Amino acid sequence: MNEDFRKSAPSPLAPVAFNIPQPFEATLPNGLKVVVFENRKLPLINFRLFFRSGDIHEPSDSVGLNSAVASMLSEGTESYSSKQLAEEIERLGAHLSASSGSDTTSISASSLTLYSSDILRLMAEMLLKPTFPEEELDLYRRNTIEGLKFQRSQANFLADEQVSRIIFGAHPYSKVSPKAEDIEKITREKLVAYQAKTYIPNNAVLIAVGDVDKDELLAELKDKFGEWESGRIDDFAYGTVPERAERTLTIVDRKGSAQSNIVLANAAIERNHPDYFRVILMNQILGAGASSRIFMNLREEKGYTYGAYSKFDMRRLAGAFEATAEVRTSVTGDSLKEFFYELDRIREAKVSEQELQDAKNFLTGVFPIRAETQEGLTGLIVQQKIYELPDDYLQTYRDKIEEVTIEDVEAAANKYVQPEKMAIVIVGDAEEILPQAKEYASTVEIFDTDANPQDISNYGKPAESPAVDVSGSWNLTIDFQGQEIPVSLNLAQTDGKISGKLESMLGEGLIENGKVTGNGFSAVATTEMSGQKLELAISGTVENEEMKGTLSAPMIPMPLDFKGTRGT
């Protein structure tokens, strides 16, 4: 039996036709733009009301205010308490929420068509009659401040904080999060004033997708939103994105970390740039998925990481290119070498016809899938309106992808991937990372996890002789949500190196290649959980037969404090 057919993949099927009509558009007397896409396949309706005002438009002395207003809209209105509003939405089996982003703020709603009038009524209530109750605001402040503490324990956030600062400079995109003191300054009076000034119809677009009649909807919108008064749209002066002239290295020091979170970044294009399609084709080949060059190199060939990717973060006013991976600390330098190899290769050598065609097949194939659901189609239309994309953007998307050539990919790589000007940001153990990474940059800086600059001369010194002996059995307790969880450490120390065993609620872990410096120590305990390898990072100090420190792992939201004494 001839089985040669098994040696090659089957030919792709013919493209499925994707014919999407233009939506209906109108503007109400108060300036509210309305976009209606009628789709009667299912008795469902999706609404999205977005404002062209986001986090970058809030006052410089009120960081976090825009997000607070969006979060508080559903916490009480003139007719409903927070609980009553939630119960009414649940009774309808509907969804209604508000959210904020850097460029926009939006209110999203969805329901069965049967309840479309009810959900519009609740949307209008939340939008036009919020009360911002003091007790709910106090709860918001306390919860948000606790969330900020958790956020700062996450390596991805620490990396994003530094990348945004470096790439965007004086531009408001450089702000990624408020501080606790910013949240404490938010008052009900500020919420009321900001909502009244910012949530105006002539700065908004309402999109409706689903089982809806446009004429009936327009009449209903005039009834429920007709008295919503327009206002003045402020002009904003934005800082400029700085020009970079060299490659730099920034390390966020997390002592004892078992891995390095690497981000390589440079400034790139805004979302409505004419080179958009060339850029996404190039990036699809470089690092957008599990068959991309970066992924195949760092994960499949080298085994440095579970995943390595690249992306373009394209916003309304500016953008950035980023290549990212989380790798074992010991292979940080090797990973940088492979990253720069792939970044240079995409610029210097033309991609193959097969690579280009595979990328085109993926992008043209996945695009119609995104528009198959009402929520997906709503999201596409929102993007089109937020970024002021052409009216035929959805209709011509596939054609624009197919027009991209090998030469276009090469030109996009050379223009928007800039290895010689990249900001290298790495979150991890600075003492371990610095010797491996410093050769890749002309300028080096180190920060702690609270974003405070550190004196680089304190790093890379000859190891301080151990001042303590940590060997023996240690009886410790972890402070976990108010409970004390027992942990046992059994350590052996030789010439400043430690090994041994850790027993905890996460199982038994083997410790190898730990180190003692002065009266401090750091180590990694390797264990298994549900068949998966898990690394627990341990760091602490010993004084007068007492040990204290922290235990952390990728699955633990925040580092856990421990303390205890040497066993007898």
Protein backbone atom coordinates (compact mmCIF):
# COMPACT_ATOMS: atom_id res chain seq x y z
CA MET A 1 0.00 0.00 0.00
CA ASN A 2 1.41 3.36 -1.06
CA GLU A 3 1.60 5.71 1.95
CA ASP A 4 3.67 8.50 0.44
CA PHE A 5 0.84 10.87 1.29
CA ARG A 6 1.94 10.69 4.94
CA LYS A 7 5.23 12.41 4.11
CA SER A 8 3.71 15.81 3.38
CA ALA A 9 0.99 17.96 4.86
CA PRO A 10 -2.29 18.25 2.93
CA SER A 11 -2.82 21.30 0.77
CA PRO A 12 -4.73 24.12 2.44
CA LEU A 13 -8.41 24.43 1.67
CA ALA A 14 -9.67 27.26 -0.48
CA PRO A 15 -10.23 30.45 1.53
CA VAL A 16 -13.69 30.79 2.97
CA ALA A 17 -15.45 33.86 1.64
CA PHE A 18 -15.58 36.69 4.13
CA ASN A 19 -18.16 39.25 3.14
CA ILE A 20 -19.04 41.66 5.88
CA PRO A 21 -21.37 44.58 5.10
CA GLN A 22 -20.78 48.13 6.20
CA PRO A 23 -22.55 49.03 9.46
CA PHE A 24 -25.12 51.80 9.70
CA GLU A 25 -23.87 55.03 11.28
CA ALA A 26 -25.67 58.07 12.64
CA THR A 27 -25.08 60.96 15.05
CA LEU A 28 -27.60 62.08 17.67
CA PRO A 29 -28.29 65.81 18.20
CA ASN A 30 -26.09 65.81 21.32
CA GLY A 31 -23.09 64.57 19.32
CA LEU A 32 -23.21 60.88 20.29
CA LYS A 33 -22.08 58.76 17.34
CA VAL A 34 -23.99 55.51 16.86
CA VAL A 35 -22.79 52.49 14.88
CA VAL A 36 -25.28 49.65 14.29
CA PHE A 37 -24.43 46.26 12.81
CA GLU A 38 -27.57 44.18 12.38
CA ASN A 39 -27.03 40.44 12.78
CA ARG A 40 -30.21 38.42 13.31
CA LYS A 41 -28.60 34.96 13.58
CA LEU A 42 -29.10 34.81 17.36
CA PRO A 43 -31.48 36.66 19.71
CA LEU A 44 -28.58 38.49 21.35
CA ILE A 45 -27.37 42.07 21.46
CA ASN A 46 -23.97 43.57 22.34
CA PHE A 47 -23.46 47.22 23.23
CA ARG A 48 -20.16 49.04 23.65
CA LEU A 49 -20.07 52.71 24.58
CA PHE A 50 -16.55 54.10 24.53
CA PHE A 51 -15.06 57.51 25.21
CA ARG A 52 -11.95 58.87 23.54
CA SER A 53 -10.55 59.64 26.97
CA GLY A 54 -8.35 57.24 28.86
CA ASP A 55 -5.78 57.07 31.60
CA ILE A 56 -3.44 59.37 29.68
CA HIS A 57 -6.03 62.16 29.85
CA GLU A 58 -6.41 62.32 33.63
CA PRO A 59 -4.84 65.28 35.49
CA SER A 60 -1.15 64.83 36.29
CA ASP A 61 -1.87 65.20 40.00
CA SER A 62 -4.67 62.60 39.92
CA VAL A 63 -3.10 59.39 38.67
CA GLY A 64 -5.62 56.54 38.94
CA LEU A 65 -8.68 58.81 38.81
CA ASN A 66 -9.91 57.63 35.41
CA SER A 67 -9.80 54.00 36.46
CA ALA A 68 -11.52 54.83 39.75
CA VAL A 69 -14.44 56.54 37.99
CA ALA A 70 -14.94 53.57 35.66
CA SER A 71 -14.82 51.10 38.55
CA MET A 72 -17.22 53.15 40.69
CA LEU A 73 -19.93 53.62 38.05
CA SER A 74 -21.53 50.31 39.03
CA GLU A 75 -21.23 50.87 42.79
CA GLY A 76 -24.43 52.87 43.21
CA THR A 77 -26.81 55.12 41.24
CA GLU A 78 -29.78 57.33 42.09
CA SER A 79 -32.13 54.34 41.75
CA TYR A 80 -29.95 51.38 42.73
CA SER A 81 -27.42 50.51 45.38
CA SER A 82 -24.38 48.52 44.30
CA LYS A 83 -26.06 45.29 45.40
CA GLN A 84 -29.40 46.13 43.80
CA LEU A 85 -27.77 46.96 40.47
CA ALA A 86 -25.85 43.68 40.48
CA GLU A 87 -29.03 41.76 41.31
CA GLU A 88 -30.97 43.47 38.51
CA ILE A 89 -28.25 42.63 35.96
CA GLU A 90 -28.19 39.04 37.20
CA ARG A 91 -32.00 38.81 36.98
CA LEU A 92 -31.80 39.69 33.31
CA GLY A 93 -29.00 37.20 32.70
CA ALA A 94 -27.10 40.12 31.24
CA HIS A 95 -23.64 41.66 31.47
CA LEU A 96 -22.90 45.30 32.27
CA SER A 97 -19.52 46.71 33.29
CA ALA A 98 -17.14 49.62 32.80
CA SER A 99 -13.40 49.57 32.24
CA SER A 100 -10.57 51.95 31.44
CA GLY A 101 -7.43 51.80 29.32
CA SER A 102 -4.64 54.13 28.30
CA ASP A 103 -6.52 55.57 25.30
CA THR A 104 -10.21 54.99 26.06
CA THR A 105 -12.82 54.26 28.70
CA SER A 106 -15.76 52.01 27.88
CA ILE A 107 -19.04 50.61 29.14
CA SER A 108 -19.88 47.13 27.85
CA ALA A 109 -23.27 45.44 27.95
CA SER A 110 -24.86 42.34 26.47
CA SER A 111 -28.17 40.53 26.89
CA LEU A 112 -30.88 38.61 25.13
CA THR A 113 -32.69 40.81 22.63
CA LEU A 114 -35.77 40.44 24.81
CA TYR A 115 -34.05 42.53 27.50
CA SER A 116 -32.25 45.05 25.29
CA SER A 117 -34.44 47.93 26.53
CA ASP A 118 -33.78 46.95 30.14
CA ILE A 119 -30.02 46.77 29.69
CA LEU A 120 -29.99 50.14 27.88
CA ARG A 121 -31.98 51.60 30.78
CA LEU A 122 -29.43 50.28 33.27
CA MET A 123 -26.55 51.52 31.10
CA ALA A 124 -28.08 55.01 31.05
CA GLU A 125 -28.66 54.85 34.81
CA MET A 126 -25.04 53.88 35.47
CA LEU A 127 -23.67 56.46 33.05
CA LEU A 128 -25.84 59.47 33.82
CA LYS A 129 -26.82 58.98 37.47
CA PRO A 130 -23.90 57.53 39.44
CA THR A 131 -23.74 58.55 43.10
CA PHE A 132 -20.21 57.37 44.05
CA PRO A 133 -21.17 56.42 47.65
CA GLU A 134 -18.51 57.19 50.24
CA GLU A 135 -18.60 53.68 51.76
CA GLU A 136 -18.08 52.09 48.35
CA LEU A 137 -15.26 54.52 47.57
CA ASP A 138 -13.56 53.67 50.85
CA LEU A 139 -13.78 49.95 49.97
CA TYR A 140 -12.41 50.69 46.49
CA ARG A 141 -9.44 52.55 47.92
CA ARG A 142 -8.58 49.77 50.36
CA ASN A 143 -8.95 46.99 47.78
CA THR A 144 -6.96 48.89 45.16
CA ILE A 145 -4.08 49.60 47.53
CA GLU A 146 -3.92 45.90 48.42
CA GLY A 147 -3.97 45.12 44.70
CA LEU A 148 -1.03 47.44 44.15
CA LYS A 149 0.98 45.47 46.69
CA PHE A 150 0.26 42.24 44.84
CA GLN A 151 1.02 43.92 41.50
CA ARG A 152 4.48 44.91 42.66
CA SER A 153 5.24 41.28 43.51
CA GLN A 154 4.79 40.29 39.85
CA ALA A 155 7.87 40.23 37.62
CA ASN A 156 5.85 41.08 34.51
CA PHE A 157 4.61 44.30 36.09
CA LEU A 158 8.10 45.29 37.26
CA ALA A 159 9.43 44.79 33.73
CA ASP A 160 6.55 46.72 32.13
CA GLU A 161 7.07 49.59 34.57
CA GLN A 162 10.69 50.01 33.50
CA VAL A 163 10.06 49.45 29.78
CA SER A 164 7.33 52.09 29.76
CA ARG A 165 9.52 54.57 31.62
CA ILE A 166 12.45 54.07 29.27
CA ILE A 167 10.62 53.87 25.93
CA PHE A 168 7.95 56.55 26.42
CA GLY A 169 9.85 59.05 28.60
CA ALA A 170 7.78 62.21 29.10
CA HIS A 171 4.82 60.81 27.16
CA PRO A 172 1.88 59.83 29.41
CA TYR A 173 2.12 56.23 28.16
CA SER A 174 5.07 55.98 30.55
CA LYS A 175 2.62 55.75 33.47
CA VAL A 176 1.56 52.17 34.05
CA SER A 177 0.06 52.35 37.53
CA PRO A 178 -0.83 54.73 40.36
CA LYS A 179 0.86 54.55 43.75
CA ALA A 180 -0.88 54.00 47.07
CA GLU A 181 -0.67 57.71 47.87
CA ASP A 182 -2.41 58.51 44.55
CA ILE A 183 -5.33 56.25 45.46
CA GLU A 184 -5.58 57.73 48.95
CA LYS A 185 -6.03 61.21 47.41
CA ILE A 186 -9.11 60.18 45.39
CA THR A 187 -12.25 61.81 46.81
CA ARG A 188 -15.91 61.63 45.89
CA GLU A 189 -15.77 65.28 44.76
CA LYS A 190 -12.99 64.45 42.31
CA LEU A 191 -14.96 61.51 40.93
CA VAL A 192 -18.08 63.61 40.38
CA ALA A 193 -16.18 66.43 38.68
CA TYR A 194 -14.14 64.14 36.43
CA GLN A 195 -17.17 62.08 35.38
CA ALA A 196 -19.20 65.17 34.51
CA LYS A 197 -16.36 66.69 32.50
CA THR A 198 -15.13 63.56 30.69
CA TYR A 199 -18.24 61.44 30.07
CA ILE A 200 -19.79 63.63 27.39
CA PRO A 201 -21.69 62.38 24.30
CA ASN A 202 -19.72 64.36 21.71
CA ASN A 203 -16.60 62.47 22.83
CA ALA A 204 -18.26 59.04 22.65
CA VAL A 205 -19.28 56.31 20.22
CA LEU A 206 -21.99 53.73 20.93
CA ILE A 207 -21.74 50.48 18.98
CA ALA A 208 -24.57 47.95 18.81
CA VAL A 209 -24.07 44.52 17.23
CA GLY A 210 -26.68 41.79 17.03
CA ASP A 211 -30.40 41.23 16.76
CA VAL A 212 -31.47 44.85 16.54
CA ASP A 213 -33.48 47.14 14.27
CA LYS A 214 -31.56 50.34 13.67
CA ASP A 215 -34.60 52.61 13.51
CA GLU A 216 -36.07 51.24 16.73
CA LEU A 217 -32.68 51.51 18.43
CA LEU A 218 -32.15 55.13 17.38
CA ALA A 219 -35.56 56.05 18.75
CA GLU A 220 -34.76 54.32 22.04
CA LEU A 221 -31.35 55.97 22.30
CA LYS A 222 -32.91 59.40 21.80
CA ASP A 223 -35.34 58.58 24.58
CA LYS A 224 -32.79 57.28 27.10
CA PHE A 225 -29.74 59.42 26.19
CA GLY A 226 -31.40 62.45 24.55
CA GLU A 227 -31.04 64.70 27.61
CA TRP A 228 -27.36 63.84 27.96
CA GLU A 229 -25.71 67.18 27.36
CA SER A 230 -22.59 67.67 25.23
CA GLY A 231 -19.54 69.40 26.62
CA ARG A 232 -16.16 70.85 25.73
CA ILE A 233 -13.43 68.42 24.67
CA ASP A 234 -10.11 69.55 26.13
CA ASP A 235 -6.96 69.72 24.06
CA PHE A 236 -4.07 67.75 25.53
CA ALA A 237 -0.37 68.38 25.12
CA TYR A 238 1.51 65.08 25.01
CA GLY A 239 5.20 64.65 25.64
CA THR A 240 7.31 63.18 22.88
CA VAL A 241 8.70 59.67 22.74
CA PRO A 242 12.48 60.02 23.22
CA GLU A 243 14.95 59.15 20.49
CA ARG A 244 17.32 56.40 21.57
CA ALA A 245 20.94 56.36 20.49
CA GLU A 246 22.33 53.31 22.29
CA ARG A 247 21.50 49.94 23.80
CA THR A 248 20.92 50.03 27.56
CA LEU A 249 20.52 47.44 30.32
CA THR A 250 18.13 47.88 33.24
CA ILE A 251 17.94 45.22 35.96
CA VAL A 252 15.21 45.06 38.58
CA ASP A 253 16.85 43.22 41.47
CA ARG A 254 14.80 40.37 42.97
CA LYS A 255 17.33 38.65 45.17
CA GLY A 256 17.23 34.87 45.08
CA SER A 257 14.95 34.75 42.04
CA ALA A 258 15.13 31.42 40.19
CA GLN A 259 14.44 32.98 36.80
CA SER A 260 15.03 36.09 34.73
CA ASN A 261 12.15 37.91 33.05
CA ILE A 262 13.64 39.43 29.90
CA VAL A 263 12.14 42.22 27.79
CA LEU A 264 13.93 43.77 24.81
CA ALA A 265 12.14 46.90 23.58
CA ASN A 266 12.32 49.86 21.24
CA ALA A 267 9.84 52.52 20.14
CA ALA A 268 7.69 51.59 17.15
CA ILE A 269 4.47 52.58 15.38
CA GLU A 270 1.02 53.72 16.41
CA ARG A 271 -1.97 51.53 15.52
CA ASN A 272 -3.17 53.43 12.44
CA HIS A 273 0.26 53.61 10.78
CA PRO A 274 0.37 52.75 7.04
CA ASP A 275 2.98 50.03 7.71
CA TYR A 276 0.66 48.09 10.02
CA PHE A 277 0.15 45.08 7.75
CA ARG A 278 3.85 44.80 6.88
CA VAL A 279 4.68 44.89 10.59
CA ILE A 280 2.24 42.20 11.71
CA LEU A 281 3.38 39.86 8.89
CA MET A 282 7.00 40.36 9.88
CA ASN A 283 6.26 39.81 13.56
CA GLN A 284 4.20 36.69 12.84
CA ILE A 285 7.36 35.15 11.39
CA LEU A 286 9.67 36.55 14.06
CA GLY A 287 7.92 35.84 17.33
CA ALA A 288 4.11 35.96 17.40
CA GLY A 289 3.40 32.27 17.93
CA ALA A 290 4.60 28.77 18.74
CA SER A 291 6.01 28.22 15.24
CA SER A 292 7.87 31.54 15.09
CA ARG A 293 11.65 31.88 14.90
CA ILE A 294 12.16 33.16 18.44
CA PHE A 295 9.97 30.47 19.98
CA MET A 296 11.58 27.67 18.00
CA ASN A 297 15.06 28.87 18.92
CA LEU A 298 14.81 29.61 22.65
CA ARG A 299 12.31 26.92 23.56
CA GLU A 300 12.44 24.08 21.07
CA GLU A 301 16.16 24.14 20.19
CA LYS A 302 17.79 25.54 23.33
CA GLY A 303 15.26 24.65 26.04
CA TYR A 304 15.86 27.91 27.90
CA THR A 305 12.18 28.72 28.50
CA TYR A 306 8.60 27.54 28.22
CA GLY A 307 7.90 30.32 25.74
CA ALA A 308 9.59 33.24 23.96
CA TYR A 309 7.68 35.76 21.87
CA SER A 310 7.70 39.18 20.27
CA LYS A 311 4.90 41.68 19.81
CA PHE A 312 4.07 45.23 18.78
CA ASP A 313 2.21 47.21 21.42
CA MET A 314 0.44 49.68 19.12
CA ARG A 315 -1.66 52.39 20.72
CA ARG A 316 -3.42 55.46 19.37
CA LEU A 317 -0.49 57.88 19.73
CA ALA A 318 2.65 55.71 19.81
CA GLY A 319 3.85 52.13 20.12
CA ALA A 320 6.66 49.79 21.05
CA PHE A 321 8.25 46.57 19.86
CA GLU A 322 8.94 43.98 22.58
CA ALA A 323 10.62 40.57 22.63
CA THR A 324 10.05 38.64 25.86
CA ALA A 325 10.87 35.41 27.69
CA GLU A 326 11.12 34.03 31.21
CA VAL A 327 14.29 31.95 31.45
CA ARG A 328 16.36 30.19 34.08
CA THR A 329 18.72 32.67 35.71
CA SER A 330 21.76 30.66 34.71
CA VAL A 331 21.00 31.03 30.97
CA THR A 332 20.18 34.76 30.96
CA GLY A 333 23.26 35.67 28.92
CA ASP A 334 22.80 32.76 26.52
CA SER A 335 19.17 33.80 25.99
CA LEU A 336 20.20 37.37 25.15
CA LYS A 337 22.65 35.98 22.59
CA GLU A 338 19.89 34.01 20.86
CA PHE A 339 17.44 36.91 21.00
CA PHE A 340 19.87 39.24 19.25
CA TYR A 341 20.76 36.52 16.76
CA GLU A 342 17.11 36.30 15.69
CA LEU A 343 16.59 40.08 15.73
CA ASP A 344 19.60 40.54 13.47
CA ARG A 345 18.59 37.64 11.21
CA ILE A 346 15.10 39.00 10.49
CA ARG A 347 16.74 42.28 9.39
CA GLU A 348 19.69 40.95 7.42
CA ALA A 349 18.31 37.93 5.54
CA LYS A 350 15.12 37.72 3.53
CA VAL A 351 12.44 35.42 4.92
CA SER A 352 11.50 32.42 2.81
CA GLU A 353 8.44 32.19 0.59
CA GLN A 354 7.16 29.39 2.81
CA GLU A 355 7.49 31.46 5.99
CA LEU A 356 5.67 34.37 4.38
CA GLN A 357 2.88 32.19 3.04
CA ASP A 358 2.43 30.39 6.36
CA ALA A 359 2.13 33.75 8.14
CA LYS A 360 -0.39 34.98 5.58
CA ASN A 361 -2.44 31.80 5.86
CA PHE A 362 -2.59 32.17 9.64
CA LEU A 363 -3.55 35.85 9.70
CA THR A 364 -6.13 35.63 6.91
CA GLY A 365 -7.53 32.42 8.38
CA VAL A 366 -7.90 33.61 11.98
CA PHE A 367 -9.40 37.00 11.08
CA PRO A 368 -12.88 35.72 10.09
CA ILE A 369 -12.96 33.58 13.24
CA ARG A 370 -12.59 36.72 15.35
CA ALA A 371 -15.70 38.13 13.67
CA GLU A 372 -17.85 35.01 14.10
CA THR A 373 -19.21 36.01 17.52
CA GLN A 374 -21.03 39.20 18.37
CA GLU A 375 -18.45 40.01 21.02
CA GLY A 376 -15.60 39.48 18.58
CA LEU A 377 -17.21 41.58 15.86
CA THR A 378 -17.99 44.31 18.38
CA GLY A 379 -14.33 44.35 19.39
CA LEU A 380 -13.21 44.71 15.76
CA ILE A 381 -15.57 47.62 15.16
CA VAL A 382 -14.43 49.28 18.39
CA GLN A 383 -10.81 49.05 17.25
CA GLN A 384 -11.76 50.52 13.90
CA LYS A 385 -13.40 53.52 15.55
CA ILE A 386 -10.89 54.05 18.37
CA TYR A 387 -7.91 54.13 16.03
CA GLU A 388 -9.75 55.91 13.20
CA LEU A 389 -9.02 53.14 10.71
CA PRO A 390 -10.39 53.33 7.15
CA ASP A 391 -14.10 52.68 6.62
CA ASP A 392 -13.29 49.57 4.56
CA TYR A 393 -10.74 48.22 7.08
CA LEU A 394 -12.69 45.04 7.87
CA GLN A 395 -13.66 44.43 4.26
CA THR A 396 -10.11 44.79 2.89
CA TYR A 397 -8.13 43.21 5.77
CA ARG A 398 -7.37 39.98 3.94
CA ASP A 399 -6.42 41.79 0.73
CA LYS A 400 -3.98 44.01 2.62
CA ILE A 401 -2.33 40.92 4.15
CA GLU A 402 -1.98 39.22 0.78
CA GLU A 403 -0.33 42.32 -0.74
CA VAL A 404 2.69 42.15 1.62
CA THR A 405 5.90 40.96 -0.07
CA ILE A 406 9.18 39.53 1.16
CA GLU A 407 10.76 42.91 0.52
CA ASP A 408 8.06 44.57 2.64
CA VAL A 409 8.87 42.24 5.54
CA GLU A 410 12.57 43.03 5.24
CA ALA A 411 11.89 46.77 5.16
CA ALA A 412 9.59 46.60 8.20
CA ALA A 413 12.18 44.62 10.18
CA ASN A 414 14.95 47.10 9.41
CA LYS A 415 12.76 50.06 10.28
CA TYR A 416 11.01 48.88 13.43
CA VAL A 417 13.29 46.27 15.00
CA GLN A 418 16.34 48.16 16.29
CA PRO A 419 18.77 45.87 18.17
CA GLU A 420 21.43 48.55 18.44
CA LYS A 421 19.03 50.92 20.24
CA MET A 422 17.11 48.47 22.39
CA ALA A 423 16.29 48.80 26.05
CA ILE A 424 17.12 45.51 27.74
CA VAL A 425 15.05 45.12 30.91
CA ILE A 426 15.57 42.06 33.11
CA VAL A 427 13.81 41.26 36.38
CA GLY A 428 15.73 38.79 38.55
CA ASP A 429 18.74 38.34 40.81
CA ALA A 430 21.03 41.23 39.82
CA GLU A 431 24.17 39.59 41.21
CA GLU A 432 23.60 36.59 38.94
CA ILE A 433 22.36 38.56 35.91
CA LEU A 434 24.89 41.39 35.77
CA PRO A 435 27.97 39.30 34.83
CA GLN A 436 26.01 37.57 32.06
CA ALA A 437 24.26 40.62 30.58
CA LYS A 438 26.53 43.67 31.00
CA GLU A 439 28.45 42.98 27.77
CA TYR A 440 25.26 43.57 25.75
CA ALA A 441 24.84 47.25 26.68
CA SER A 442 26.90 50.39 26.98
CA THR A 443 24.85 51.75 29.91
CA VAL A 444 23.72 49.73 32.94
CA GLU A 445 21.33 50.67 35.77
CA ILE A 446 19.81 48.67 38.63
CA PHE A 447 16.56 49.26 40.55
CA ASP A 448 14.94 47.54 43.50
CA THR A 449 11.39 46.22 43.28
CA ASP A 450 10.00 49.56 44.52
CA ALA A 451 11.58 51.29 41.48
CA ASN A 452 14.31 52.96 43.55
CA PRO A 453 17.70 53.26 41.76
CA GLN A 454 20.54 51.30 43.32
CA ASP A 455 24.26 51.99 43.49
CA ILE A 456 25.71 49.69 40.83
CA SER A 457 29.09 49.73 42.57
CA ASN A 458 27.54 47.54 45.26
CA TYR A 459 27.10 44.74 42.72
CA GLY A 460 29.66 42.41 41.23
CA LYS A 461 32.02 42.63 44.18
CA PRO A 462 33.96 39.58 45.31
CA ALA A 463 31.72 37.40 47.41
CA GLU A 464 31.76 38.38 51.07
CA SER A 465 32.97 35.56 53.29
CA PRO A 466 30.14 33.84 55.12
CA ALA A 467 29.63 35.31 58.56
CA VAL A 468 27.17 32.63 59.59
CA ASP A 469 26.82 28.88 59.38
CA VAL A 470 23.30 27.96 58.18
CA SER A 471 23.87 24.20 58.31
CA GLY A 472 21.55 22.06 60.36
CA SER A 473 17.82 21.71 60.87
CA TRP A 474 15.60 24.80 60.96
CA ASN A 475 12.03 24.89 62.23
CA LEU A 476 10.22 27.72 60.45
CA THR A 477 6.69 29.06 60.06
CA ILE A 478 5.23 30.89 57.07
CA ASP A 479 2.76 33.71 57.59
CA PHE A 480 0.01 32.74 55.11
CA GLN A 481 -3.22 34.79 55.25
CA GLY A 482 -2.99 35.11 59.02
CA GLN A 483 -2.13 31.45 59.58
CA GLU A 484 1.25 30.02 60.56
CA ILE A 485 2.24 27.16 58.25
CA PRO A 486 5.17 24.96 59.33
CA VAL A 487 8.24 24.61 57.10
CA SER A 488 11.32 22.50 57.68
CA LEU A 489 14.78 23.27 56.28
CA ASN A 490 17.67 20.84 56.49
CA LEU A 491 20.86 22.44 55.18
CA ALA A 492 24.52 21.57 54.69
CA GLN A 493 27.11 24.33 54.16
CA THR A 494 30.58 24.01 52.63
CA ASP A 495 32.74 27.01 51.62
CA GLY A 496 29.74 29.32 51.37
CA LYS A 497 27.71 26.86 49.27
CA ILE A 498 24.56 25.26 50.65
CA SER A 499 22.50 22.22 49.75
CA GLY A 500 19.78 20.27 51.46
CA LYS A 501 16.04 19.74 51.59
CA LEU A 502 12.92 21.84 52.15
CA GLU A 503 9.60 20.43 53.35
CA SER A 504 6.53 22.65 53.13
CA MET A 505 2.86 22.77 52.17
CA LEU A 506 4.06 22.70 48.55
CA GLY A 507 5.84 19.39 49.05
CA GLU A 508 9.44 18.31 49.46
CA GLY A 509 12.10 20.22 47.52
CA LEU A 510 15.76 19.49 46.81
CA ILE A 511 18.18 22.39 47.36
CA GLU A 512 21.38 22.61 45.31
CA ASN A 513 23.88 25.38 44.57
CA GLY A 514 22.61 27.79 47.23
CA LYS A 515 24.98 30.40 48.60
CA VAL A 516 25.77 32.24 51.81
CA THR A 517 27.07 35.81 51.72
CA GLY A 518 27.73 37.60 54.98
CA ASN A 519 24.76 36.76 57.20
CA GLY A 520 22.42 36.28 54.23
CA PHE A 521 21.65 33.30 52.03
CA SER A 522 19.71 32.44 48.88
CA ALA A 523 18.76 29.14 47.28
CA VAL A 524 16.28 27.44 44.99
CA ALA A 525 14.36 24.33 46.04
CA THR A 526 13.15 22.16 43.13
CA THR A 527 10.05 20.03 43.62
CA GLU A 528 7.18 18.61 41.60
CA MET A 529 3.48 19.42 41.72
CA SER A 530 0.93 17.57 39.59
CA GLY A 531 3.77 16.19 37.52
CA GLN A 532 5.19 19.66 36.77
CA LYS A 533 8.59 20.93 37.91
CA LEU A 534 8.27 23.78 40.41
CA GLU A 535 11.05 26.03 41.66
CA LEU A 536 10.76 27.74 45.07
CA ALA A 537 13.07 30.70 45.60
CA ILE A 538 14.30 31.10 49.20
CA SER A 539 16.22 34.06 50.57
CA GLY A 540 16.85 35.20 54.12
CA THR A 541 19.21 36.15 56.89
CA VAL A 542 20.46 34.43 60.05
CA GLU A 543 21.22 36.18 63.33
CA ASN A 544 21.59 34.74 66.84
CA GLU A 545 20.31 31.30 65.82
CA GLU A 546 17.20 32.88 64.27
CA MET A 547 16.32 32.81 60.59
CA LYS A 548 13.90 35.04 58.68
CA GLY A 549 13.25 35.61 54.99
CA THR A 550 10.85 35.01 52.09
CA LEU A 551 9.68 32.06 50.02
CA SER A 552 8.34 32.67 46.49
CA ALA A 553 7.27 30.71 43.43
CA PRO A 554 5.48 31.50 40.13
CA MET A 555 2.22 30.06 41.51
CA ILE A 556 2.37 32.16 44.69
CA PRO A 557 0.80 35.64 44.19
CA MET A 558 3.10 37.35 46.72
CA PRO A 559 6.34 36.31 48.45
CA LEU A 560 5.61 34.59 51.78
CA ASP A 561 7.47 35.73 54.89
CA PHE A 562 8.96 33.07 57.15
CA LYS A 563 10.83 33.03 60.45
CA GLY A 564 12.06 30.45 62.93
CA THR A 565 14.94 28.99 64.89
CA ARG A 566 17.60 26.33 64.50
CA GLY A 567 16.50 22.91 65.70
CA THR A 568 18.29 21.00 68.41
